[in-house]
Amino acid sequence: MNRALPAVRLRVPTHEDAFVWHRIFDDPDVMEFHGGKAAELSVYEELTARQRRHDAERGYCLWTLLDESGQVMGFTGAQPWERDWGPKGEIEIGWRLGREHWGKGYVTAAARQTLERMRAAGVPGVVAMVDARNSRSIAVTRRLGMRLAETFTTSASERAGHCYRLNL
């Protein structure tokens, strides 16, 4: 079934978004594939500051994801993959959403906007690194037209991670 996607807005993260991200990601379900628990507030403060730098320098970042009313739901966007395993140096798209917003099409709508912005920025292709057990995110990659390209074993958790690719 194809349903209409909800309206979403992406904006460069503010310092205040660090507090909201910390609160909405403090949920074991949300963090199941990201270490199991929310990071300390200082990690989100550094993350939002780094995303502001990415946007200023590159024209893209992990943007704050807002619903129609302006409520912060999480983030969606892109940044270079900087780990020493996986698709190092490639541009990864990613998303994380507060639990109450799951299953409503927000991530797909926001990820499509991200792809449009990446094309406009001249990025030739993107990857999405997804825990092999994360069926929700795998479904998003499929809706975006991404294809499974490689499987990696993550260095920290020793779990299988899928690398999905899309040429823009």
N, C-alpha and C. Protein backbone atom coordinates (compact mmCIF):
# COMPACT_ATOMS: atom_id res chain seq x y z
N MET A 1 0.85 -1.18 0.00
CA MET A 1 0.00 0.00 0.00
C MET A 1 0.89 1.24 0.00
N ASN A 2 0.63 2.17 -0.91
CA ASN A 2 1.34 3.44 -0.95
C ASN A 2 0.48 4.50 -0.30
N ARG A 3 0.98 5.08 0.75
CA ARG A 3 0.24 6.14 1.42
C ARG A 3 0.99 7.44 1.23
N ALA A 4 0.28 8.53 1.36
CA ALA A 4 0.92 9.84 1.26
C ALA A 4 1.85 10.02 2.45
N LEU A 5 3.03 10.57 2.17
CA LEU A 5 3.98 10.80 3.26
C LEU A 5 3.64 12.10 3.97
N PRO A 6 3.93 12.16 5.26
CA PRO A 6 3.63 13.37 6.01
C PRO A 6 4.58 14.51 5.63
N ALA A 7 4.14 15.72 5.89
CA ALA A 7 4.99 16.89 5.68
C ALA A 7 6.02 16.93 6.80
N VAL A 8 7.26 17.15 6.42
CA VAL A 8 8.34 17.28 7.39
C VAL A 8 9.21 18.45 6.98
N ARG A 9 9.99 18.93 7.93
CA ARG A 9 10.92 20.02 7.65
C ARG A 9 12.27 19.65 8.25
N LEU A 10 13.33 19.97 7.55
CA LEU A 10 14.69 19.75 8.03
C LEU A 10 15.35 21.08 8.25
N ARG A 11 16.05 21.23 9.37
CA ARG A 11 16.81 22.46 9.61
C ARG A 11 18.12 22.13 10.30
N VAL A 12 19.06 23.04 10.17
CA VAL A 12 20.36 22.86 10.82
C VAL A 12 20.13 22.80 12.33
N PRO A 13 20.74 21.84 13.01
CA PRO A 13 20.52 21.70 14.45
C PRO A 13 21.00 22.92 15.24
N THR A 14 20.22 23.30 16.22
CA THR A 14 20.60 24.35 17.14
C THR A 14 21.24 23.73 18.38
N HIS A 15 21.84 24.57 19.21
CA HIS A 15 22.38 24.07 20.47
C HIS A 15 21.25 23.46 21.32
N GLU A 16 20.07 24.08 21.28
CA GLU A 16 18.94 23.59 22.07
C GLU A 16 18.50 22.19 21.62
N ASP A 17 18.72 21.87 20.34
CA ASP A 17 18.34 20.54 19.86
C ASP A 17 19.11 19.44 20.57
N ALA A 18 20.30 19.73 21.05
CA ALA A 18 21.06 18.72 21.79
C ALA A 18 20.27 18.22 22.99
N PHE A 19 19.59 19.11 23.68
CA PHE A 19 18.81 18.74 24.85
C PHE A 19 17.61 17.88 24.46
N VAL A 20 16.96 18.26 23.34
CA VAL A 20 15.79 17.51 22.88
C VAL A 20 16.22 16.13 22.39
N TRP A 21 17.31 16.07 21.58
CA TRP A 21 17.79 14.78 21.10
C TRP A 21 18.12 13.87 22.28
N HIS A 22 18.80 14.42 23.27
CA HIS A 22 19.17 13.64 24.45
C HIS A 22 17.92 13.06 25.12
N ARG A 23 16.89 13.87 25.24
CA ARG A 23 15.65 13.42 25.89
C ARG A 23 14.93 12.36 25.05
N ILE A 24 14.71 12.62 23.75
CA ILE A 24 13.91 11.68 22.96
C ILE A 24 14.67 10.40 22.60
N PHE A 25 16.00 10.46 22.64
CA PHE A 25 16.78 9.25 22.36
C PHE A 25 17.08 8.46 23.63
N ASP A 26 16.62 8.95 24.78
CA ASP A 26 16.82 8.22 26.03
C ASP A 26 15.72 7.16 26.17
N ASP A 27 15.75 6.23 25.23
CA ASP A 27 14.73 5.19 25.13
C ASP A 27 15.43 3.94 24.61
N PRO A 28 15.39 2.84 25.35
CA PRO A 28 16.08 1.62 24.90
C PRO A 28 15.64 1.14 23.51
N ASP A 29 14.36 1.35 23.16
CA ASP A 29 13.90 0.94 21.83
C ASP A 29 14.58 1.77 20.74
N VAL A 30 14.66 3.07 20.95
CA VAL A 30 15.29 3.96 19.97
C VAL A 30 16.77 3.61 19.83
N MET A 31 17.41 3.29 20.92
CA MET A 31 18.86 3.08 20.93
C MET A 31 19.26 1.62 20.77
N GLU A 32 18.31 0.74 20.48
CA GLU A 32 18.60 -0.69 20.37
C GLU A 32 19.78 -0.98 19.46
N PHE A 33 19.88 -0.30 18.33
CA PHE A 33 20.95 -0.56 17.36
C PHE A 33 22.05 0.50 17.42
N HIS A 34 22.04 1.30 18.51
CA HIS A 34 23.04 2.36 18.68
C HIS A 34 23.65 2.30 20.08
N GLY A 35 23.95 1.11 20.54
CA GLY A 35 24.60 0.96 21.83
C GLY A 35 23.67 0.69 22.99
N GLY A 36 22.35 0.75 22.78
CA GLY A 36 21.41 0.38 23.82
C GLY A 36 20.93 1.47 24.73
N LYS A 37 21.65 2.60 24.81
CA LYS A 37 21.20 3.70 25.67
C LYS A 37 21.70 5.01 25.10
N ALA A 38 21.03 6.07 25.50
CA ALA A 38 21.40 7.41 25.04
C ALA A 38 22.77 7.79 25.58
N ALA A 39 23.47 8.56 24.80
CA ALA A 39 24.77 9.07 25.25
C ALA A 39 24.54 10.20 26.26
N GLU A 40 25.61 10.62 26.87
CA GLU A 40 25.55 11.76 27.78
C GLU A 40 25.17 13.01 26.99
N LEU A 41 24.60 13.98 27.66
CA LEU A 41 24.21 15.23 27.02
C LEU A 41 25.36 15.88 26.27
N SER A 42 26.56 15.82 26.83
CA SER A 42 27.72 16.46 26.18
C SER A 42 27.99 15.89 24.79
N VAL A 43 27.67 14.61 24.58
CA VAL A 43 27.86 13.99 23.27
C VAL A 43 26.90 14.64 22.26
N TYR A 44 25.67 14.87 22.66
CA TYR A 44 24.70 15.51 21.76
C TYR A 44 25.05 16.98 21.54
N GLU A 45 25.60 17.64 22.56
CA GLU A 45 26.05 19.03 22.36
C GLU A 45 27.16 19.09 21.32
N GLU A 46 28.11 18.16 21.41
CA GLU A 46 29.20 18.12 20.42
C GLU A 46 28.65 17.74 19.05
N LEU A 47 27.72 16.79 19.01
CA LEU A 47 27.15 16.34 17.74
C LEU A 47 26.42 17.49 17.03
N THR A 48 25.60 18.24 17.75
CA THR A 48 24.89 19.34 17.09
C THR A 48 25.87 20.42 16.63
N ALA A 49 26.91 20.70 17.42
CA ALA A 49 27.92 21.68 17.00
C ALA A 49 28.65 21.20 15.75
N ARG A 50 29.00 19.93 15.70
CA ARG A 50 29.69 19.37 14.52
C ARG A 50 28.78 19.43 13.29
N GLN A 51 27.48 19.20 13.47
CA GLN A 51 26.57 19.25 12.34
C GLN A 51 26.43 20.67 11.81
N ARG A 52 26.47 21.66 12.68
CA ARG A 52 26.44 23.06 12.22
C ARG A 52 27.68 23.35 11.38
N ARG A 53 28.84 22.82 11.80
CA ARG A 53 30.08 22.99 11.01
C ARG A 53 29.97 22.28 9.67
N HIS A 54 29.46 21.04 9.69
CA HIS A 54 29.28 20.29 8.43
C HIS A 54 28.42 21.08 7.46
N ASP A 55 27.30 21.62 7.94
CA ASP A 55 26.41 22.35 7.06
C ASP A 55 27.10 23.59 6.49
N ALA A 56 27.83 24.31 7.33
CA ALA A 56 28.52 25.52 6.87
C ALA A 56 29.62 25.18 5.86
N GLU A 57 30.33 24.09 6.07
CA GLU A 57 31.45 23.72 5.21
C GLU A 57 31.04 22.93 3.98
N ARG A 58 30.03 22.06 4.12
CA ARG A 58 29.69 21.13 3.04
C ARG A 58 28.32 21.38 2.40
N GLY A 59 27.46 22.06 3.14
CA GLY A 59 26.10 22.27 2.65
C GLY A 59 25.14 21.16 3.05
N TYR A 60 25.59 20.23 3.87
CA TYR A 60 24.73 19.17 4.37
C TYR A 60 25.22 18.72 5.74
N CYS A 61 24.33 18.05 6.46
CA CYS A 61 24.63 17.59 7.82
C CYS A 61 23.53 16.64 8.25
N LEU A 62 23.54 16.25 9.50
CA LEU A 62 22.40 15.58 10.11
C LEU A 62 21.47 16.69 10.58
N TRP A 63 20.38 16.92 9.83
CA TRP A 63 19.46 18.00 10.14
C TRP A 63 18.46 17.57 11.20
N THR A 64 18.01 18.52 11.98
CA THR A 64 16.93 18.28 12.91
C THR A 64 15.65 18.07 12.11
N LEU A 65 14.93 17.03 12.45
CA LEU A 65 13.69 16.66 11.77
C LEU A 65 12.51 17.19 12.57
N LEU A 66 11.67 17.99 11.90
CA LEU A 66 10.51 18.61 12.53
C LEU A 66 9.23 18.15 11.86
N ASP A 67 8.16 18.01 12.64
CA ASP A 67 6.86 17.69 12.05
C ASP A 67 6.18 19.00 11.61
N GLU A 68 4.95 18.89 11.13
CA GLU A 68 4.22 20.06 10.63
C GLU A 68 4.07 21.17 11.67
N SER A 69 3.97 20.79 12.92
CA SER A 69 3.78 21.78 13.98
C SER A 69 5.09 22.37 14.49
N GLY A 70 6.23 21.86 14.00
CA GLY A 70 7.53 22.35 14.45
C GLY A 70 8.13 21.55 15.59
N GLN A 71 7.48 20.43 15.97
CA GLN A 71 8.01 19.59 17.03
C GLN A 71 9.23 18.83 16.53
N VAL A 72 10.29 18.81 17.34
CA VAL A 72 11.50 18.05 17.01
C VAL A 72 11.19 16.57 17.20
N MET A 73 11.46 15.79 16.14
CA MET A 73 11.20 14.35 16.20
C MET A 73 12.49 13.53 16.22
N GLY A 74 13.62 14.14 15.84
CA GLY A 74 14.88 13.42 15.75
C GLY A 74 15.77 14.09 14.73
N PHE A 75 16.53 13.29 13.98
CA PHE A 75 17.36 13.86 12.92
C PHE A 75 17.36 12.95 11.70
N THR A 76 17.66 13.55 10.58
CA THR A 76 17.85 12.86 9.31
C THR A 76 18.82 13.71 8.51
N GLY A 77 19.74 13.07 7.82
CA GLY A 77 20.67 13.84 7.01
C GLY A 77 21.82 13.00 6.54
N ALA A 78 22.95 13.67 6.33
CA ALA A 78 24.12 12.99 5.78
C ALA A 78 25.39 13.59 6.35
N GLN A 79 26.41 12.75 6.40
CA GLN A 79 27.74 13.18 6.83
C GLN A 79 28.75 12.15 6.35
N PRO A 80 30.02 12.52 6.31
CA PRO A 80 31.04 11.55 5.89
C PRO A 80 31.14 10.40 6.90
N TRP A 81 31.34 9.19 6.39
CA TRP A 81 31.57 8.02 7.24
C TRP A 81 33.03 8.09 7.67
N GLU A 82 33.26 8.25 8.97
CA GLU A 82 34.62 8.49 9.45
C GLU A 82 35.21 7.36 10.28
N ARG A 83 34.50 6.26 10.39
CA ARG A 83 35.07 5.13 11.13
C ARG A 83 36.13 4.45 10.28
N ASP A 84 36.99 3.67 10.93
CA ASP A 84 38.06 3.01 10.17
C ASP A 84 37.65 1.64 9.65
N TRP A 85 36.39 1.32 9.66
CA TRP A 85 35.84 0.13 9.02
C TRP A 85 34.65 0.62 8.18
N GLY A 86 34.21 -0.18 7.27
CA GLY A 86 33.08 0.21 6.44
C GLY A 86 33.48 1.12 5.30
N PRO A 87 32.54 1.91 4.80
CA PRO A 87 32.78 2.73 3.60
C PRO A 87 33.48 4.06 3.94
N LYS A 88 34.65 3.98 4.51
CA LYS A 88 35.37 5.16 4.99
C LYS A 88 35.47 6.24 3.91
N GLY A 89 35.12 7.47 4.29
CA GLY A 89 35.21 8.61 3.40
C GLY A 89 33.99 8.82 2.52
N GLU A 90 33.09 7.83 2.45
CA GLU A 90 31.88 8.01 1.66
C GLU A 90 30.85 8.79 2.47
N ILE A 91 29.82 9.27 1.79
CA ILE A 91 28.78 10.05 2.46
C ILE A 91 27.65 9.11 2.86
N GLU A 92 27.38 9.10 4.16
CA GLU A 92 26.34 8.23 4.70
C GLU A 92 25.10 9.05 5.01
N ILE A 93 23.95 8.54 4.59
CA ILE A 93 22.70 9.12 5.07
C ILE A 93 22.25 8.31 6.27
N GLY A 94 21.56 8.98 7.16
CA GLY A 94 21.12 8.30 8.37
C GLY A 94 19.95 9.01 9.00
N TRP A 95 19.38 8.37 9.99
CA TRP A 95 18.19 8.89 10.65
C TRP A 95 18.08 8.28 12.02
N ARG A 96 17.44 9.02 12.90
CA ARG A 96 17.07 8.51 14.23
C ARG A 96 15.85 9.30 14.66
N LEU A 97 14.85 8.60 15.10
CA LEU A 97 13.55 9.20 15.38
C LEU A 97 13.08 8.79 16.76
N GLY A 98 12.47 9.73 17.47
CA GLY A 98 11.85 9.40 18.75
C GLY A 98 10.77 8.34 18.56
N ARG A 99 10.65 7.44 19.50
CA ARG A 99 9.76 6.27 19.41
C ARG A 99 8.33 6.63 19.05
N GLU A 100 7.80 7.72 19.61
CA GLU A 100 6.39 8.06 19.39
C GLU A 100 6.09 8.40 17.93
N HIS A 101 7.12 8.60 17.12
CA HIS A 101 6.92 9.00 15.72
C HIS A 101 7.14 7.85 14.74
N TRP A 102 7.45 6.68 15.22
CA TRP A 102 7.73 5.54 14.35
C TRP A 102 6.48 5.12 13.59
N GLY A 103 6.69 4.56 12.39
CA GLY A 103 5.63 3.93 11.63
C GLY A 103 4.66 4.89 10.95
N LYS A 104 5.03 6.16 10.84
CA LYS A 104 4.13 7.16 10.26
C LYS A 104 4.66 7.75 8.96
N GLY A 105 5.83 7.27 8.50
CA GLY A 105 6.38 7.76 7.24
C GLY A 105 7.32 8.94 7.36
N TYR A 106 7.58 9.42 8.57
CA TYR A 106 8.42 10.59 8.75
C TYR A 106 9.85 10.38 8.23
N VAL A 107 10.44 9.24 8.57
CA VAL A 107 11.82 8.99 8.16
C VAL A 107 11.92 8.90 6.64
N THR A 108 11.00 8.21 6.01
CA THR A 108 11.05 8.10 4.55
C THR A 108 10.91 9.48 3.90
N ALA A 109 9.96 10.27 4.39
CA ALA A 109 9.78 11.62 3.84
C ALA A 109 11.04 12.46 4.03
N ALA A 110 11.62 12.41 5.21
CA ALA A 110 12.82 13.20 5.50
C ALA A 110 14.03 12.69 4.73
N ALA A 111 14.15 11.37 4.60
CA ALA A 111 15.28 10.81 3.85
C ALA A 111 15.18 11.18 2.38
N ARG A 112 13.98 11.23 1.84
CA ARG A 112 13.82 11.67 0.45
C ARG A 112 14.25 13.12 0.28
N GLN A 113 13.90 13.97 1.26
CA GLN A 113 14.37 15.36 1.21
C GLN A 113 15.90 15.40 1.29
N THR A 114 16.47 14.54 2.12
CA THR A 114 17.94 14.48 2.23
C THR A 114 18.55 14.12 0.88
N LEU A 115 18.00 13.13 0.20
CA LEU A 115 18.53 12.74 -1.10
C LEU A 115 18.45 13.89 -2.10
N GLU A 116 17.34 14.63 -2.09
CA GLU A 116 17.21 15.80 -2.98
C GLU A 116 18.29 16.83 -2.67
N ARG A 117 18.53 17.07 -1.39
CA ARG A 117 19.57 18.04 -1.00
C ARG A 117 20.96 17.55 -1.38
N MET A 118 21.18 16.25 -1.28
CA MET A 118 22.50 15.71 -1.63
C MET A 118 22.73 15.83 -3.14
N ARG A 119 21.70 15.56 -3.94
CA ARG A 119 21.82 15.75 -5.39
C ARG A 119 22.15 17.20 -5.70
N ALA A 120 21.44 18.11 -5.05
CA ALA A 120 21.65 19.55 -5.28
C ALA A 120 23.06 19.97 -4.88
N ALA A 121 23.63 19.30 -3.89
CA ALA A 121 24.99 19.62 -3.43
C ALA A 121 26.06 18.97 -4.32
N GLY A 122 25.62 18.17 -5.30
CA GLY A 122 26.56 17.55 -6.22
C GLY A 122 27.20 16.27 -5.71
N VAL A 123 26.62 15.66 -4.68
CA VAL A 123 27.14 14.41 -4.14
C VAL A 123 26.75 13.29 -5.12
N PRO A 124 27.71 12.52 -5.61
CA PRO A 124 27.40 11.52 -6.64
C PRO A 124 26.70 10.26 -6.14
N GLY A 125 26.82 9.96 -4.86
CA GLY A 125 26.19 8.77 -4.31
C GLY A 125 26.27 8.76 -2.81
N VAL A 126 25.43 7.95 -2.19
CA VAL A 126 25.40 7.86 -0.73
C VAL A 126 25.34 6.39 -0.32
N VAL A 127 25.70 6.16 0.92
CA VAL A 127 25.56 4.85 1.54
C VAL A 127 24.70 5.01 2.78
N ALA A 128 24.15 3.90 3.23
CA ALA A 128 23.45 3.85 4.52
C ALA A 128 23.97 2.60 5.22
N MET A 129 24.53 2.79 6.39
CA MET A 129 25.01 1.67 7.19
C MET A 129 23.93 1.31 8.20
N VAL A 130 23.48 0.06 8.14
CA VAL A 130 22.34 -0.38 8.95
C VAL A 130 22.69 -1.69 9.63
N ASP A 131 22.42 -1.78 10.91
CA ASP A 131 22.56 -3.04 11.63
C ASP A 131 21.71 -4.07 10.90
N ALA A 132 22.26 -5.24 10.65
CA ALA A 132 21.57 -6.27 9.87
C ALA A 132 20.26 -6.72 10.51
N ARG A 133 20.06 -6.46 11.80
CA ARG A 133 18.83 -6.86 12.49
C ARG A 133 17.76 -5.77 12.46
N ASN A 134 18.11 -4.58 11.95
CA ASN A 134 17.22 -3.42 12.02
C ASN A 134 16.27 -3.40 10.81
N SER A 135 15.21 -4.17 10.91
CA SER A 135 14.28 -4.33 9.78
C SER A 135 13.60 -3.02 9.40
N ARG A 136 13.35 -2.14 10.37
CA ARG A 136 12.70 -0.86 10.06
C ARG A 136 13.58 0.00 9.16
N SER A 137 14.85 0.12 9.51
CA SER A 137 15.75 0.93 8.68
C SER A 137 16.04 0.26 7.34
N ILE A 138 16.10 -1.05 7.32
CA ILE A 138 16.28 -1.76 6.05
C ILE A 138 15.10 -1.46 5.13
N ALA A 139 13.90 -1.42 5.68
CA ALA A 139 12.71 -1.10 4.88
C ALA A 139 12.81 0.32 4.31
N VAL A 140 13.34 1.26 5.09
CA VAL A 140 13.51 2.63 4.58
C VAL A 140 14.49 2.64 3.41
N THR A 141 15.60 1.92 3.54
CA THR A 141 16.57 1.92 2.44
C THR A 141 15.92 1.39 1.16
N ARG A 142 15.08 0.40 1.29
CA ARG A 142 14.39 -0.16 0.11
C ARG A 142 13.43 0.86 -0.49
N ARG A 143 12.70 1.57 0.37
CA ARG A 143 11.77 2.59 -0.15
C ARG A 143 12.51 3.71 -0.86
N LEU A 144 13.77 3.92 -0.49
CA LEU A 144 14.59 4.96 -1.13
C LEU A 144 15.24 4.46 -2.42
N GLY A 145 15.11 3.17 -2.69
CA GLY A 145 15.72 2.61 -3.90
C GLY A 145 17.16 2.19 -3.71
N MET A 146 17.61 2.09 -2.47
CA MET A 146 18.98 1.68 -2.19
C MET A 146 19.09 0.16 -2.33
N ARG A 147 20.30 -0.29 -2.62
CA ARG A 147 20.57 -1.72 -2.80
C ARG A 147 21.67 -2.16 -1.84
N LEU A 148 21.50 -3.35 -1.28
CA LEU A 148 22.53 -3.93 -0.42
C LEU A 148 23.79 -4.15 -1.24
N ALA A 149 24.90 -3.58 -0.80
CA ALA A 149 26.16 -3.68 -1.55
C ALA A 149 27.19 -4.53 -0.82
N GLU A 150 27.24 -4.42 0.50
CA GLU A 150 28.27 -5.13 1.27
C GLU A 150 27.75 -5.44 2.66
N THR A 151 28.39 -6.40 3.30
CA THR A 151 28.12 -6.69 4.70
C THR A 151 29.44 -6.56 5.45
N PHE A 152 29.40 -5.88 6.59
CA PHE A 152 30.58 -5.67 7.42
C PHE A 152 30.32 -6.22 8.81
N THR A 153 31.37 -6.51 9.52
CA THR A 153 31.27 -6.80 10.94
C THR A 153 31.75 -5.56 11.66
N THR A 154 30.87 -5.01 12.50
CA THR A 154 31.22 -3.78 13.21
C THR A 154 32.31 -4.06 14.23
N SER A 155 33.21 -3.11 14.37
CA SER A 155 34.35 -3.32 15.27
C SER A 155 33.94 -3.30 16.74
N ALA A 156 32.98 -2.46 17.10
CA ALA A 156 32.62 -2.34 18.51
C ALA A 156 31.75 -3.50 18.99
N SER A 157 30.73 -3.85 18.23
CA SER A 157 29.78 -4.85 18.72
C SER A 157 29.97 -6.23 18.10
N GLU A 158 30.82 -6.32 17.08
CA GLU A 158 31.04 -7.58 16.36
C GLU A 158 29.75 -8.10 15.72
N ARG A 159 28.83 -7.18 15.41
CA ARG A 159 27.58 -7.55 14.75
C ARG A 159 27.68 -7.28 13.25
N ALA A 160 26.81 -7.93 12.50
CA ALA A 160 26.77 -7.70 11.05
C ALA A 160 26.10 -6.36 10.77
N GLY A 161 26.71 -5.60 9.89
CA GLY A 161 26.16 -4.35 9.43
C GLY A 161 26.06 -4.37 7.92
N HIS A 162 24.95 -3.88 7.40
CA HIS A 162 24.75 -3.83 5.96
C HIS A 162 25.10 -2.45 5.43
N CYS A 163 25.72 -2.43 4.28
CA CYS A 163 26.00 -1.17 3.58
C CYS A 163 25.11 -1.13 2.35
N TYR A 164 24.18 -0.19 2.34
CA TYR A 164 23.29 0.03 1.21
C TYR A 164 23.83 1.21 0.41
N ARG A 165 23.71 1.15 -0.92
CA ARG A 165 24.22 2.21 -1.79
C ARG A 165 23.13 2.73 -2.71
N LEU A 166 23.31 4.00 -3.07
CA LEU A 166 22.45 4.63 -4.05
C LEU A 166 23.26 5.66 -4.83
N ASN A 167 23.29 5.50 -6.15
CA ASN A 167 23.89 6.52 -7.00
C ASN A 167 22.88 7.63 -7.19
N LEU A 168 23.38 8.86 -7.07
CA LEU A 168 22.49 10.00 -7.22
C LEU A 168 22.62 10.60 -8.61
